[in-house]
Protein backbone atom coordinates (compact mmCIF):
# COMPACT_ATOMS: atom_id res chain seq x y z
CA MET A 1 91.04 46.08 4.52
CA THR A 2 91.76 42.42 5.42
CA ASN A 3 88.37 41.27 4.17
CA ASP A 4 88.77 42.72 0.63
CA GLU A 5 87.90 40.41 -2.23
CA PRO A 6 90.92 38.29 -3.21
CA PHE A 7 92.56 38.92 -6.62
CA VAL A 8 93.12 35.18 -7.08
CA ASP A 9 90.81 32.19 -7.14
CA LEU A 10 92.97 29.25 -6.14
CA ARG A 11 90.18 26.83 -7.15
CA LYS A 12 91.26 27.60 -10.72
CA TYR A 13 94.91 26.70 -10.15
CA ASP A 14 96.06 24.19 -12.73
CA GLN A 15 99.58 22.93 -13.34
CA SER A 16 98.54 19.92 -15.45
CA TRP A 17 100.74 21.28 -18.24
CA PHE A 18 103.88 21.14 -16.04
CA ASP A 19 106.31 18.32 -16.84
CA ARG A 20 108.24 17.14 -13.79
CA GLY A 21 110.48 15.09 -16.06
CA ARG A 22 109.81 11.66 -14.51
CA PRO A 23 106.68 9.63 -13.57
CA GLY A 24 105.14 10.09 -10.16
CA TRP A 25 106.39 6.79 -8.72
CA TYR A 26 109.97 7.73 -9.66
CA ILE A 27 109.65 11.13 -7.97
CA LEU A 28 108.29 9.47 -4.81
CA LEU A 29 111.20 7.00 -4.87
CA TRP A 30 113.65 9.88 -5.13
CA TRP A 31 112.04 11.76 -2.27
CA PHE A 32 112.16 8.65 -0.12
CA VAL A 33 115.88 8.03 -0.92
CA GLN A 34 116.70 11.68 -0.28
CA ALA A 35 114.80 11.75 2.99
CA ILE A 36 116.51 8.58 4.33
CA ALA A 37 119.86 8.15 2.57
CA PHE A 38 121.16 11.72 2.44
CA PRO A 39 120.78 12.74 6.12
CA LEU A 40 122.02 9.38 7.34
CA THR A 41 125.25 9.44 5.37
CA PRO A 42 128.18 10.87 7.40
CA HIS A 43 129.96 13.88 5.92
CA PRO A 44 132.91 11.84 4.52
CA PHE A 45 130.43 9.69 2.45
CA ASN A 46 130.20 12.39 -0.16
CA ASN A 47 130.80 9.94 -3.03
CA LEU A 48 127.66 8.00 -2.08
CA ARG A 49 125.54 11.16 -2.23
CA CYS A 50 127.00 12.08 -5.62
CA ALA A 51 126.36 8.51 -6.85
CA LEU A 52 122.75 8.67 -5.68
CA LEU A 53 122.21 11.97 -7.49
CA ARG A 54 123.77 10.54 -10.67
CA LEU A 55 121.58 7.44 -10.38
CA PHE A 56 118.56 9.71 -10.38
CA GLY A 57 119.76 11.65 -13.44
CA ALA A 58 121.78 14.59 -12.12
CA SER A 59 124.92 15.54 -14.01
CA ILE A 60 127.61 15.74 -11.31
CA GLY A 61 131.17 16.52 -12.14
CA LYS A 62 134.31 15.10 -10.50
CA GLY A 63 135.40 16.21 -7.08
CA VAL A 64 131.97 17.66 -6.19
CA LEU A 65 131.24 17.97 -2.42
CA ILE A 66 127.60 17.76 -1.33
CA ARG A 67 126.62 18.00 2.36
CA PRO A 68 124.08 15.46 3.69
CA THR A 69 121.40 18.07 4.44
CA ALA A 70 121.31 19.54 0.89
CA ARG A 71 117.97 19.09 -0.93
CA PHE A 72 117.26 18.53 -4.62
CA THR A 73 113.65 18.65 -5.80
CA TYR A 74 114.24 16.98 -9.17
CA PRO A 75 117.90 15.91 -9.57
CA TRP A 76 117.44 15.11 -13.26
CA LYS A 77 117.15 18.90 -13.78
CA VAL A 78 120.47 19.69 -12.06
CA THR A 79 124.01 19.99 -13.45
CA ILE A 80 126.98 20.65 -11.19
CA GLY A 81 130.46 21.18 -12.60
CA ASP A 82 133.74 19.76 -11.38
CA TYR A 83 134.99 20.59 -7.84
CA SER A 84 131.94 22.55 -6.77
CA TRP A 85 130.64 22.51 -3.22
CA ILE A 86 126.99 22.38 -2.07
CA GLY A 87 126.68 23.30 1.61
CA ASP A 88 124.44 22.26 4.50
CA ASP A 89 120.69 23.00 4.13
CA VAL A 90 121.03 24.27 0.58
CA VAL A 91 117.84 23.81 -1.43
CA LEU A 92 117.88 23.36 -5.18
CA TYR A 93 114.20 23.82 -5.97
CA SER A 94 114.65 22.50 -9.47
CA LEU A 95 111.26 22.74 -11.16
CA ASP A 96 113.39 23.96 -14.11
CA GLN A 97 117.06 23.45 -14.93
CA ILE A 98 119.75 24.51 -12.49
CA HIS A 99 123.26 24.76 -13.94
CA ILE A 100 126.15 25.25 -11.48
CA GLY A 101 129.55 25.68 -13.05
CA GLY A 102 132.89 24.30 -11.96
CA HIS A 103 134.65 25.37 -8.77
CA CYS A 104 131.56 27.06 -7.39
CA VAL A 105 130.51 27.29 -3.73
CA ILE A 106 126.86 27.33 -2.78
CA SER A 107 127.05 28.05 0.97
CA GLN A 108 124.74 26.80 3.73
CA LYS A 109 121.03 27.64 3.74
CA SER A 110 121.03 29.16 0.26
CA TYR A 111 117.87 28.60 -1.81
CA LEU A 112 117.96 28.34 -5.62
CA CYS A 113 114.34 28.75 -6.72
CA THR A 114 113.37 28.02 -10.33
CA GLY A 115 109.59 28.39 -9.71
CA SER A 116 107.08 31.12 -8.83
CA HIS A 117 103.54 32.23 -9.68
CA ASP A 118 102.05 34.82 -11.96
CA ILE A 119 100.52 37.39 -9.61
CA GLN A 120 98.51 38.93 -12.50
CA ASP A 121 96.83 35.56 -13.27
CA PRO A 122 93.58 35.04 -11.35
CA ALA A 123 94.45 31.34 -11.29
CA PHE A 124 97.91 32.05 -9.76
CA GLY A 125 99.59 30.19 -12.62
CA LEU A 126 102.88 28.45 -12.13
CA LYS A 127 105.92 29.87 -13.98
CA THR A 128 109.44 28.41 -14.11
CA ALA A 129 112.79 29.46 -15.51
CA SER A 130 116.28 28.04 -15.24
CA ILE A 131 119.15 29.32 -13.05
CA THR A 132 122.76 29.41 -14.20
CA ILE A 133 125.74 29.95 -11.87
CA GLY A 134 128.99 30.61 -13.73
CA ASN A 135 132.34 28.96 -13.01
CA GLY A 136 134.13 30.09 -9.84
CA ALA A 137 131.12 31.88 -8.37
CA TRP A 138 130.47 31.93 -4.65
CA ILE A 139 126.95 32.18 -3.29
CA ALA A 140 127.53 32.97 0.42
CA ALA A 141 125.35 31.85 3.36
CA ASP A 142 121.53 32.11 3.29
CA CYS A 143 121.12 33.65 -0.18
CA PHE A 144 117.99 33.47 -2.33
CA ILE A 145 118.50 33.10 -6.08
CA GLY A 146 115.31 33.68 -8.07
CA LEU A 147 114.07 32.01 -11.22
CA GLY A 148 115.66 33.00 -14.53
CA VAL A 149 118.80 34.47 -12.86
CA GLN A 150 122.23 34.09 -14.40
CA ILE A 151 125.22 34.72 -12.14
CA GLY A 152 128.41 35.40 -14.03
CA ALA A 153 131.68 33.54 -13.64
CA ASN A 154 133.68 34.43 -10.52
CA ALA A 155 130.94 36.63 -9.06
CA VAL A 156 130.47 36.68 -5.32
CA ILE A 157 127.01 37.05 -3.78
CA GLY A 158 127.28 38.26 -0.19
CA ALA A 159 125.52 36.56 2.72
CA ARG A 160 121.76 36.84 2.95
CA SER A 161 121.40 38.55 -0.42
CA SER A 162 118.33 38.17 -2.62
CA VAL A 163 119.14 37.91 -6.33
CA PHE A 164 116.29 38.67 -8.73
CA ASN A 165 118.30 39.91 -11.71
CA ASP A 166 121.38 38.72 -13.64
CA ILE A 167 124.76 39.43 -12.02
CA PRO A 168 127.76 40.21 -14.20
CA SER A 169 130.97 38.17 -14.06
CA GLY A 170 133.76 39.05 -11.65
CA GLN A 171 131.70 41.30 -9.36
CA VAL A 172 131.30 41.25 -5.56
CA CYS A 173 127.60 41.86 -4.91
CA TRP A 174 125.21 41.96 -1.96
CA GLY A 175 121.94 43.37 -0.80
CA ASN A 176 118.20 42.95 -1.12
CA PRO A 177 117.94 43.32 -4.01
CA CYS A 178 121.47 42.21 -4.72
CA ILE A 179 123.59 44.63 -6.76
CA PRO A 180 127.25 44.76 -7.85
CA ARG A 181 129.44 46.68 -5.44
CA TYR A 182 133.05 46.34 -6.85
CA PRO A 183 135.16 44.07 -9.09
CA ARG A 184 136.58 40.84 -7.68
CA LYS A 185 140.32 40.76 -8.12
CA LYS A 186 142.36 37.63 -8.89
CA GLU A 187 145.47 37.31 -6.79
């Protein structure tokens, strides 16, 4: 059973077609800046973290709060709208575009993942797709958001949910897989 022939041959893996969006030296420079500058900036130095992200090509709105332990794979593929919050240990694995609307909260330890692999491909080919989070949405603690997912405006994704399909606007959702449970009311 454990010694069955593998379905994949990782010697054939090839992502030479994949465009990271910047040259290798630039990516290494970003990773160095992120590894040193982000974790060493105290929480109140949010403007410095936003400035660094903008310097490396991210589109960051006004009033955005980003915690020092947040991680951005390729910031030039990230857009964050006005007054949104990115929590501690959030990972934006931005092999593809990540669009976060205004007034969104991405809570601690959440993982937005724009990349995966084709399990039917013997070479385990890379596949990517963008993620979009609508205005006013809240992604609660320790959620996984999969590639290609769109989360509607004002939706709430409950803690530790795994989102693999689009979520409609104005719904409170949770689970693995995450599904809508009831409408979110505006007070």
